[in-house]
Each structure stands twice: as structure tokens, then as C-alpha cells.
Amino acid sequence: MVGPSSQISKLLLTLLFLLIIFFIWMDVNLYIRIQDYPIRDREIRLLNGSTVLRPTTIAGQHGATTSSVTSAVPYGRGPQEAARYEDVAWVSCDLNPLCDVTVKAMMLDHTNHYLFAPMATLLDNLAGFSKGELITPNMISFFHVFVAIASGRMVASDSLGYRRIGVVLFQFRTFLDDLDGHVARAKKHIRGERSDIGSAGYYIDGICDALGCVALMIGVFVFLKNNPPRRGYTQLQSIIPVSESKNCSESGVIYKVKVTTKKVVRKVLCYSGILVLSSTGWNRYIAIYQDMLEREDVTPTQFLHQEQAFRSTWFFVICWLWRVANVHALLHFLLLSIFCDKLWEYLRMIQYAGFVALLAIISVAEMHLLGAQNYIYKSLTGNNTSL
């Protein structure tokens, strides 16, 4: 699967399996953290203050919210338990991806959220990028474009070893993408994963990410064009003695014609279209949910509705679907197929299924969005993010 050495293959498969288990375990902990601890500081102030908003749910539906003056009882716990997650976390919140829960963090792919983001924070703590002016976030963004170009050249190689180096290089580019975002937020004293929509850095980072994806897809196309896969082979009945056939490994096999360049172009363009659709939908829902659930200029009642919508299981499911279907996750899947030398098989499998899956996720997210927005604000106003 991933090389001639069975021991190396087993080791890599074991690491992949352990990584998947780690991601699932972290997702479970993320869900528990969201349900059992306050999400924002304002919630702690409301819970520990004199005014407490208590939701009344009737027949499983969102009910009326009343305000009373009493002791804070957050989600069935006593006031002494209305503590921040930072107070009980085993890992320092400087590196713990579960401390600052935001819309973007919940919709970010597992690799970036649980691995690259803490690594970027650790590197920044050591190098002090966010505390100085020598290295800026835009400089990091421009640099990882050149890393992506180098990766694309490696991926286009005929050698599997060079292609694997290209995979490692592109993952390094992804790490740099996390680093520039962390440095930008740290300079602006923004906690957690958030998109600074409308800023110059937001658009520069998006353009650099797009250029990196283009470089990778060009590398994929060049490789498949120079090494077109065959459509299969036909096994013919052996007509020579068995002893002779053992010395001729190709005996009785007629390979079919190679895949044409036209079909290679079609597969690459289809996957590029999937990446564009995924990126567009993912960024759109981050922007809308971020505005809807993290807006600060709301009444206490609306704030409670925001928290209830944030904690709903349906919202967690929708965010999880975007975790495995956003553009970053799709790039990870593509890189994994390149590393395992299964690129053509992966592109064939996802050519149409990818569009169907994304459209289904978008449809479910759209229905949930309309219901949640109506529940929080009761009506769509001009202040809400445009749909």
C-alpha cells in the first residue's frame, strides 16, 4: 500500500489508525467541554451574577426564556461549579485546543485543530513571531506559496519517493498557514480560532491558500499526464507449461490502453471543482454562524438562545460534517492518496460522490441555519449576515 517494506507499511497504518482514534477521542472531549462548561466569559458573568436566564423547554422545543433574581445554577450544577474550563483543564490553555471554543474551531478539520494549531502556538512561544515586527503574518503567507510550488514540483515527479516528499512539504505549508493565522490573531489579541472577515490579511491569506492549491493540482495533473494509469488488464488462459510460466511474470496478461489526457483533465478539474465548492460553502457558513452565534451586541435573552443553539447536538453534527468535508480535509485526503500511491483510484471514487456529499451537507446546514437564526433573533433583520 505504502511501500515495498511490509514493516514500514504496518507501522504507517498503525500510526494512521492511532491518529484517527486520537481525533475521535478529542471530538468526544470537545462535545463534553461544550455541554458542561461555559463557552464565553459573558456566560460566566451571567451565571455567577444575580440575573439568571432560565430556558423553559416544552415538548422538546425551544420555549420561552424567563429572567429571575436568584443564585446561578449553570446546567444543573451549583454556583461553586460555574467555573471556567481553563480551571479544570489538564493541559495549559495556551496549547489546549479545547479551551477557546468558537464556530471556526468547531468547523476546522481535525489535523489543523488538534495538531497544527497547538504546534503553531508552541513555535510562536519559542520564536516570538507575534511579539516582534520582523516576521509578519503576510510574510508567512507569501512564503508558504513557494513551499506549495516546491511541493507541486515534487508531486509531479515519476518517483514515488519524491512524491512523498512533496506530500510532507505541502503538510508543512499547511502548518505555515496555521502559523500565520495564529500570529495575526495574537497580534490583535484575539483568542481562539476566528476569521477576521473583511481585513486585508483575510484576503491575502485566502489568495495565498488558493495559489498553493493551484500549485498542488498542477503537480497532480502533470504526474497523471506523464504517468497515465491503465484501464486494467485482461487475464488470458495460459497455453504454456506451468514451469515456463513461472519464469514469465507477464505471461497471459494483456494490458488495456492507457487513460487519455482528456480523462485526466476531467478528473483533475472535477476535484478542483469539489475544492472550490467546499471552500466556498465552508467559509460562508463560518462567516454566518460566527456572526449569528458569537455576536456580542445582543440582549440577555438572545445571548441565552445563542448558547443553546451553540450547544445543540444538531449544530455539533453539522460542524463535524464540515470538519471532514472542508477544503483542508479534502487536501489531506488527496495527500494521503498520493502518499499511498492511490491517487487515480481516489480521484475516480470521489469524482461525483464528492459533489453529492457537499450538496447534502450544504442543504442540511442551510435548513439548520434558518431555524437557528429565527430562534435567536425571531426575525431576519438587516443587521444579520446576508443569506
Protein backbone atom coordinates (compact mmCIF):
# COMPACT_ATOMS: atom_id res chain seq x y z
CA MET A 1 0.00 0.00 0.00
CA VAL A 2 2.65 2.49 1.01
CA GLY A 3 5.89 0.81 0.03
CA PRO A 4 7.73 -2.45 -0.53
CA SER A 5 8.59 -2.94 3.14
CA SER A 6 5.78 -4.68 4.99
CA GLN A 7 7.15 -3.50 8.33
CA ILE A 8 7.09 0.15 7.25
CA SER A 9 3.60 -0.30 5.84
CA LYS A 10 2.35 -1.80 9.09
CA LEU A 11 3.97 0.99 11.09
CA LEU A 12 2.41 3.74 8.95
CA LEU A 13 -1.01 2.09 9.03
CA THR A 14 -0.75 1.76 12.81
CA LEU A 15 0.14 5.45 13.13
CA LEU A 16 -2.79 6.39 10.89
CA PHE A 17 -5.15 4.25 12.97
CA LEU A 18 -3.89 5.78 16.22
CA LEU A 19 -4.26 9.27 14.75
CA ILE A 20 -7.89 8.57 13.83
CA ILE A 21 -8.55 7.25 17.35
CA PHE A 22 -6.96 10.39 18.80
CA PHE A 23 -9.17 12.62 16.64
CA ILE A 24 -12.32 10.76 17.72
CA TRP A 25 -11.29 10.97 21.38
CA MET A 26 -10.68 14.70 21.06
CA ASP A 27 -14.07 15.18 19.38
CA VAL A 28 -15.76 13.42 22.29
CA ASN A 29 -13.90 15.66 24.74
CA LEU A 30 -14.86 18.72 22.69
CA TYR A 31 -18.55 17.78 22.89
CA ILE A 32 -18.31 17.24 26.66
CA ARG A 33 -16.48 20.54 27.10
CA ILE A 34 -19.20 22.40 25.17
CA GLN A 35 -22.01 20.82 27.15
CA ASP A 36 -20.53 21.06 30.66
CA TYR A 37 -18.64 24.35 30.74
CA PRO A 38 -19.36 27.98 29.81
CA ILE A 39 -18.39 28.87 26.27
CA ARG A 40 -17.84 32.62 26.66
CA ASP A 41 -16.83 34.89 29.53
CA ARG A 42 -20.18 36.68 29.35
CA GLU A 43 -21.90 33.41 30.18
CA ILE A 44 -19.82 33.09 33.34
CA ARG A 45 -20.75 36.61 34.39
CA LEU A 46 -24.44 35.88 33.87
CA LEU A 47 -24.22 32.56 35.70
CA ASN A 48 -22.32 33.99 38.65
CA GLY A 49 -24.31 37.23 38.75
CA SER A 50 -27.69 37.98 40.20
CA THR A 51 -29.65 37.82 36.96
CA VAL A 52 -30.07 34.34 35.59
CA LEU A 53 -31.84 33.40 32.41
CA ARG A 54 -33.58 30.10 32.64
CA PRO A 55 -34.87 28.38 29.49
CA THR A 56 -38.17 26.56 29.62
CA THR A 57 -38.42 23.78 27.07
CA ILE A 58 -41.80 22.32 26.23
CA ALA A 59 -42.24 19.07 24.31
CA GLY A 60 -38.64 19.14 23.14
CA GLN A 61 -38.97 22.54 21.51
CA HIS A 62 -37.35 25.86 22.32
CA GLY A 63 -39.58 27.52 24.87
CA ALA A 64 -39.87 30.89 26.46
CA THR A 65 -36.99 32.32 28.45
CA THR A 66 -37.62 33.98 31.78
CA SER A 67 -35.40 36.14 33.95
CA SER A 68 -35.20 35.82 37.70
CA VAL A 69 -33.03 37.09 40.54
CA THR A 70 -31.52 34.06 42.25
CA SER A 71 -28.34 32.08 42.64
CA ALA A 72 -26.64 30.91 39.48
CA VAL A 73 -27.28 27.28 38.63
CA PRO A 74 -25.45 26.52 35.39
CA TYR A 75 -26.79 23.46 33.65
CA GLY A 76 -27.72 21.56 36.76
CA ARG A 77 -24.58 22.44 38.78
CA GLY A 78 -24.28 24.60 41.87
CA PRO A 79 -22.81 28.11 41.77
CA GLN A 80 -19.49 26.82 43.06
CA GLU A 81 -19.21 24.77 39.87
CA ALA A 82 -19.74 27.69 37.49
CA ALA A 83 -16.05 27.56 36.68
CA ARG A 84 -14.10 28.21 33.54
CA TYR A 85 -12.83 25.24 31.58
CA GLU A 86 -9.32 26.66 32.00
CA ASP A 87 -9.57 25.95 35.74
CA VAL A 88 -10.03 22.20 35.26
CA ALA A 89 -8.10 21.52 32.04
CA TRP A 90 -5.10 19.22 32.36
CA VAL A 91 -3.21 20.97 29.56
CA SER A 92 -2.48 24.69 29.62
CA CYS A 93 -4.97 26.65 27.57
CA ASP A 94 -2.07 28.18 25.71
CA LEU A 95 -1.78 24.83 23.91
CA ASN A 96 -5.13 23.20 24.62
CA PRO A 97 -7.40 23.41 21.54
CA LEU A 98 -10.49 22.74 23.66
CA CYS A 99 -10.29 25.87 25.81
CA ASP A 100 -11.46 28.57 23.41
CA VAL A 101 -14.47 27.12 21.61
CA THR A 102 -15.50 29.11 18.55
CA VAL A 103 -17.51 28.45 15.41
CA LYS A 104 -14.39 28.24 13.26
CA ALA A 105 -12.67 25.89 15.71
CA MET A 106 -15.64 23.52 15.58
CA MET A 107 -15.66 23.57 11.77
CA LEU A 108 -11.88 23.30 11.37
CA ASP A 109 -10.50 19.97 10.19
CA HIS A 110 -9.05 17.63 12.80
CA THR A 111 -5.42 17.88 11.70
CA ASN A 112 -5.33 21.67 11.82
CA HIS A 113 -7.34 21.98 15.02
CA TYR A 114 -5.76 19.25 17.13
CA LEU A 115 -2.20 19.07 15.75
CA PHE A 116 -1.05 22.07 13.73
CA ALA A 117 -2.73 24.77 15.84
CA PRO A 118 -1.01 23.72 19.11
CA MET A 119 2.26 23.28 17.22
CA ALA A 120 1.93 26.79 15.77
CA THR A 121 1.31 28.20 19.24
CA LEU A 122 4.32 26.36 20.61
CA LEU A 123 6.57 27.64 17.81
CA ASP A 124 5.32 31.19 18.33
CA ASN A 125 6.03 30.92 22.05
CA LEU A 126 9.59 29.85 21.28
CA ALA A 127 10.31 32.23 18.39
CA GLY A 128 8.16 35.18 19.46
CA PHE A 129 6.79 35.97 15.99
CA SER A 130 3.69 37.66 17.41
CA LYS A 131 5.72 39.87 19.75
CA GLY A 132 8.03 41.35 17.14
CA GLU A 133 7.70 43.12 13.82
CA LEU A 134 10.41 41.27 11.89
CA ILE A 135 8.09 38.46 10.75
CA THR A 136 4.53 39.40 9.80
CA PRO A 137 1.57 37.09 9.07
CA ASN A 138 1.54 38.20 5.42
CA MET A 139 5.22 37.30 5.06
CA ILE A 140 4.44 33.79 6.30
CA SER A 141 1.51 33.58 3.85
CA PHE A 142 3.71 34.59 0.92
CA PHE A 143 6.41 32.13 1.97
CA HIS A 144 4.08 29.13 2.10
CA VAL A 145 3.11 29.81 -1.52
CA PHE A 146 6.70 29.00 -2.52
CA VAL A 147 6.62 25.91 -0.31
CA ALA A 148 3.45 24.82 -2.15
CA ILE A 149 5.16 25.36 -5.53
CA ALA A 150 8.08 23.18 -4.41
CA SER A 151 5.57 20.58 -3.23
CA GLY A 152 3.77 20.65 -6.58
CA ARG A 153 7.03 20.04 -8.42
CA MET A 154 7.74 17.05 -6.19
CA VAL A 155 4.24 15.65 -6.62
CA ALA A 156 4.68 15.81 -10.41
CA SER A 157 7.74 13.53 -10.20
CA ASP A 158 7.77 9.99 -11.57
CA SER A 159 9.41 8.80 -8.36
CA LEU A 160 7.12 7.74 -5.52
CA GLY A 161 9.79 8.81 -3.04
CA TYR A 162 9.85 12.35 -4.40
CA ARG A 163 6.06 12.47 -4.42
CA ARG A 164 6.04 11.54 -0.75
CA ILE A 165 8.50 14.33 -0.06
CA GLY A 166 6.04 16.60 -1.87
CA VAL A 167 3.29 15.44 0.49
CA VAL A 168 5.43 16.29 3.51
CA LEU A 169 6.24 19.70 2.01
CA PHE A 170 2.57 20.51 1.46
CA GLN A 171 1.74 19.50 5.02
CA PHE A 172 4.48 21.88 6.12
CA ARG A 173 2.75 24.55 4.02
CA THR A 174 -0.49 23.77 5.86
CA PHE A 175 1.31 24.18 9.17
CA LEU A 176 2.62 27.58 8.00
CA ASP A 177 -0.96 28.51 7.09
CA ASP A 178 -1.92 27.77 10.69
CA LEU A 179 1.07 29.74 11.93
CA ASP A 180 0.22 32.91 10.00
CA GLY A 181 -3.33 32.81 11.34
CA HIS A 182 -2.13 32.33 14.91
CA VAL A 183 0.38 35.18 14.64
CA ALA A 184 -2.26 37.50 13.16
CA ARG A 185 -4.74 36.74 15.95
CA ALA A 186 -2.08 37.03 18.65
CA LYS A 187 -1.05 40.47 17.40
CA LYS A 188 -4.69 41.59 17.61
CA HIS A 189 -5.22 39.83 20.97
CA ILE A 190 -7.95 37.61 19.53
CA ARG A 191 -8.49 34.39 21.47
CA GLY A 192 -9.31 31.14 19.72
CA GLU A 193 -9.88 30.36 16.07
CA ARG A 194 -11.72 33.22 14.37
CA SER A 195 -11.90 34.58 10.85
CA ASP A 196 -11.17 38.31 10.72
CA ILE A 197 -13.55 38.71 7.80
CA GLY A 198 -13.02 41.79 5.68
CA SER A 199 -9.47 42.53 6.78
CA ALA A 200 -6.58 42.76 4.32
CA GLY A 201 -4.90 39.77 5.95
CA TYR A 202 -8.04 37.68 5.45
CA TYR A 203 -7.98 38.22 1.69
CA ILE A 204 -4.20 37.91 1.37
CA ASP A 205 -4.27 34.61 3.24
CA GLY A 206 -7.14 33.38 1.07
CA ILE A 207 -5.30 34.28 -2.14
CA CYS A 208 -2.12 32.58 -0.93
CA ASP A 209 -4.07 29.46 0.05
CA ALA A 210 -5.69 29.39 -3.39
CA LEU A 211 -2.31 29.70 -5.12
CA GLY A 212 -0.99 26.83 -3.02
CA CYS A 213 -3.93 24.61 -4.02
CA VAL A 214 -3.42 25.51 -7.68
CA ALA A 215 0.27 24.55 -7.44
CA LEU A 216 -0.64 21.18 -5.93
CA MET A 217 -3.34 20.42 -8.52
CA ILE A 218 -0.95 21.34 -11.35
CA GLY A 219 1.52 18.87 -9.88
CA VAL A 220 -1.20 16.21 -9.75
CA PHE A 221 -2.14 16.85 -13.37
CA VAL A 222 1.46 16.73 -14.61
CA PHE A 223 2.07 13.44 -12.81
CA LEU A 224 -1.06 11.79 -14.20
CA LYS A 225 -0.36 13.16 -17.68
CA ASN A 226 3.18 11.77 -17.68
CA ASN A 227 2.15 8.54 -15.96
CA PRO A 228 -1.37 7.80 -17.21
CA PRO A 229 -2.96 4.87 -15.40
CA ARG A 230 -4.20 1.92 -17.40
CA ARG A 231 -7.83 0.93 -17.51
CA GLY A 232 -6.95 -2.53 -16.22
CA TYR A 233 -5.91 -5.77 -17.81
CA THR A 234 -7.35 -8.98 -19.18
CA GLN A 235 -6.10 -12.31 -17.83
CA LEU A 236 -5.87 -14.84 -20.66
CA GLN A 237 -5.90 -18.59 -20.23
CA SER A 238 -2.37 -19.91 -20.03
CA ILE A 239 -1.33 -22.03 -23.04
CA ILE A 240 2.28 -22.64 -21.99
CA PRO A 241 3.64 -25.10 -19.43
CA VAL A 242 3.41 -24.05 -15.80
CA SER A 243 7.17 -24.36 -15.33
CA GLU A 244 7.74 -21.85 -18.11
CA SER A 245 5.02 -19.51 -16.94
CA LYS A 246 6.76 -19.15 -13.59
CA ASN A 247 9.69 -17.56 -15.36
CA CYS A 248 7.49 -15.13 -17.23
CA SER A 249 5.55 -12.89 -14.88
CA GLU A 250 3.73 -11.16 -17.73
CA SER A 251 2.52 -14.41 -19.32
CA GLY A 252 -1.17 -14.49 -20.17
CA VAL A 253 -1.76 -10.81 -19.40
CA ILE A 254 -2.83 -8.21 -21.93
CA TYR A 255 -2.92 -4.68 -20.53
CA LYS A 256 -5.65 -2.38 -21.75
CA VAL A 257 -4.98 1.06 -23.21
CA LYS A 258 -3.84 3.91 -21.01
CA VAL A 259 -6.23 6.56 -19.77
CA THR A 260 -6.32 9.51 -22.15
CA THR A 261 -5.19 13.01 -21.23
CA LYS A 262 -8.77 14.17 -21.69
CA LYS A 263 -9.94 11.91 -18.88
CA VAL A 264 -7.07 13.02 -16.69
CA VAL A 265 -8.10 16.64 -17.23
CA ARG A 266 -11.69 15.76 -16.38
CA LYS A 267 -10.74 14.08 -13.10
CA VAL A 268 -8.43 16.92 -12.04
CA LEU A 269 -10.99 19.59 -12.94
CA CYS A 270 -13.74 17.72 -11.07
CA TYR A 271 -11.64 17.53 -7.93
CA SER A 272 -10.69 21.18 -8.30
CA GLY A 273 -14.40 21.98 -8.53
CA ILE A 274 -15.02 19.99 -5.36
CA LEU A 275 -12.32 22.01 -3.59
CA VAL A 276 -13.86 25.29 -4.78
CA LEU A 277 -17.38 24.26 -3.71
CA SER A 278 -16.11 23.05 -0.34
CA SER A 279 -14.09 26.21 0.28
CA THR A 280 -16.98 28.47 -0.71
CA GLY A 281 -19.53 26.68 1.46
CA TRP A 282 -17.18 26.29 4.41
CA ASN A 283 -16.14 29.95 4.50
CA ARG A 284 -19.74 31.07 4.00
CA TYR A 285 -21.08 29.10 6.96
CA ILE A 286 -18.17 30.13 9.17
CA ALA A 287 -19.00 33.78 8.42
CA ILE A 288 -22.74 33.39 9.00
CA TYR A 289 -22.57 31.17 12.10
CA GLN A 290 -19.79 33.33 13.55
CA ASP A 291 -21.95 36.43 13.16
CA MET A 292 -25.04 34.68 14.46
CA LEU A 293 -23.63 32.79 17.46
CA GLU A 294 -20.71 34.99 18.55
CA ARG A 295 -22.28 38.43 18.18
CA GLU A 296 -21.88 40.46 21.37
CA ASP A 297 -24.46 43.23 20.84
CA VAL A 298 -27.44 41.10 21.85
CA THR A 299 -29.93 41.11 24.70
CA PRO A 300 -29.53 38.63 27.58
CA THR A 301 -32.38 36.56 26.16
CA GLN A 302 -30.79 36.42 22.74
CA PHE A 303 -27.47 35.55 24.36
CA LEU A 304 -29.03 32.55 26.07
CA HIS A 305 -30.56 31.48 22.77
CA GLN A 306 -27.12 31.78 21.17
CA GLU A 307 -25.66 29.46 23.81
CA GLN A 308 -28.48 26.95 23.41
CA ALA A 309 -28.04 26.88 19.65
CA PHE A 310 -24.27 26.51 20.08
CA ARG A 311 -24.76 23.56 22.43
CA SER A 312 -27.34 21.78 20.28
CA THR A 313 -26.39 18.34 19.02
CA TRP A 314 -27.51 19.24 15.50
CA PHE A 315 -25.07 22.14 15.35
CA PHE A 316 -22.27 19.86 16.54
CA VAL A 317 -23.15 17.30 13.85
CA ILE A 318 -23.18 19.96 11.12
CA CYS A 319 -19.83 21.30 12.28
CA TRP A 320 -18.42 17.77 12.34
CA LEU A 321 -19.59 17.16 8.78
CA TRP A 322 -17.75 20.31 7.70
CA ARG A 323 -14.73 19.09 9.64
CA VAL A 324 -14.39 16.08 7.34
CA ALA A 325 -15.60 17.82 4.17
CA ASN A 326 -13.94 21.23 4.23
CA VAL A 327 -11.22 22.15 1.78
CA HIS A 328 -8.40 21.44 4.24
CA ALA A 329 -9.69 17.94 4.98
CA LEU A 330 -10.09 17.22 1.26
CA LEU A 331 -6.49 18.28 0.69
CA HIS A 332 -5.38 15.92 3.48
CA PHE A 333 -7.27 13.07 1.78
CA LEU A 334 -5.65 13.93 -1.55
CA LEU A 335 -2.19 13.99 0.01
CA LEU A 336 -2.84 10.65 1.70
CA SER A 337 -3.79 9.10 -1.64
CA ILE A 338 -0.59 10.47 -3.20
CA PHE A 339 1.50 9.11 -0.34
CA CYS A 340 -0.11 5.67 -0.69
CA ASP A 341 0.25 5.75 -4.49
CA LYS A 342 -3.54 5.53 -4.90
CA LEU A 343 -4.11 8.93 -6.48
CA TRP A 344 -6.05 7.81 -9.56
CA GLU A 345 -8.26 5.46 -7.56
CA TYR A 346 -9.12 8.26 -5.13
CA LEU A 347 -9.95 10.74 -7.89
CA ARG A 348 -12.20 8.19 -9.58
CA MET A 349 -14.00 7.38 -6.34
CA ILE A 350 -14.74 10.98 -5.36
CA GLN A 351 -15.37 12.48 -8.81
CA TYR A 352 -19.16 12.58 -8.43
CA ALA A 353 -19.66 11.40 -4.85
CA GLY A 354 -17.82 14.49 -3.60
CA PHE A 355 -20.32 16.87 -5.20
CA VAL A 356 -23.28 14.86 -3.89
CA ALA A 357 -21.90 14.78 -0.34
CA LEU A 358 -21.13 18.51 -0.30
CA LEU A 359 -24.55 19.46 -1.66
CA ALA A 360 -26.19 17.28 1.01
CA ILE A 361 -24.14 18.94 3.77
CA ILE A 362 -24.94 22.40 2.42
CA SER A 363 -28.67 21.58 2.32
CA VAL A 364 -28.71 20.34 5.92
CA ALA A 365 -26.64 23.32 7.10
CA GLU A 366 -28.96 25.75 5.32
CA MET A 367 -32.05 24.31 6.99
CA HIS A 368 -30.42 24.38 10.42
CA LEU A 369 -29.15 27.92 9.84
CA LEU A 370 -32.59 29.31 9.04
CA GLY A 371 -34.15 27.63 12.07
CA ALA A 372 -31.41 28.72 14.46
CA GLN A 373 -31.39 32.29 13.17
CA ASN A 374 -35.14 32.55 13.58
CA TYR A 375 -34.95 31.09 17.09
CA ILE A 376 -32.24 33.51 18.24
CA TYR A 377 -33.45 36.73 16.65
CA LYS A 378 -37.09 35.81 15.99
CA SER A 379 -36.94 37.55 12.60
CA LEU A 380 -34.42 38.19 9.89
CA THR A 381 -33.25 41.78 10.11
CA GLY A 382 -30.91 43.91 8.12
CA ASN A 383 -28.30 43.54 10.87
CA ASN A 384 -27.93 39.83 10.24
CA THR A 385 -25.43 38.44 7.79
CA SER A 386 -26.98 38.28 4.36
CA LEU A 387 -28.04 34.84 3.26
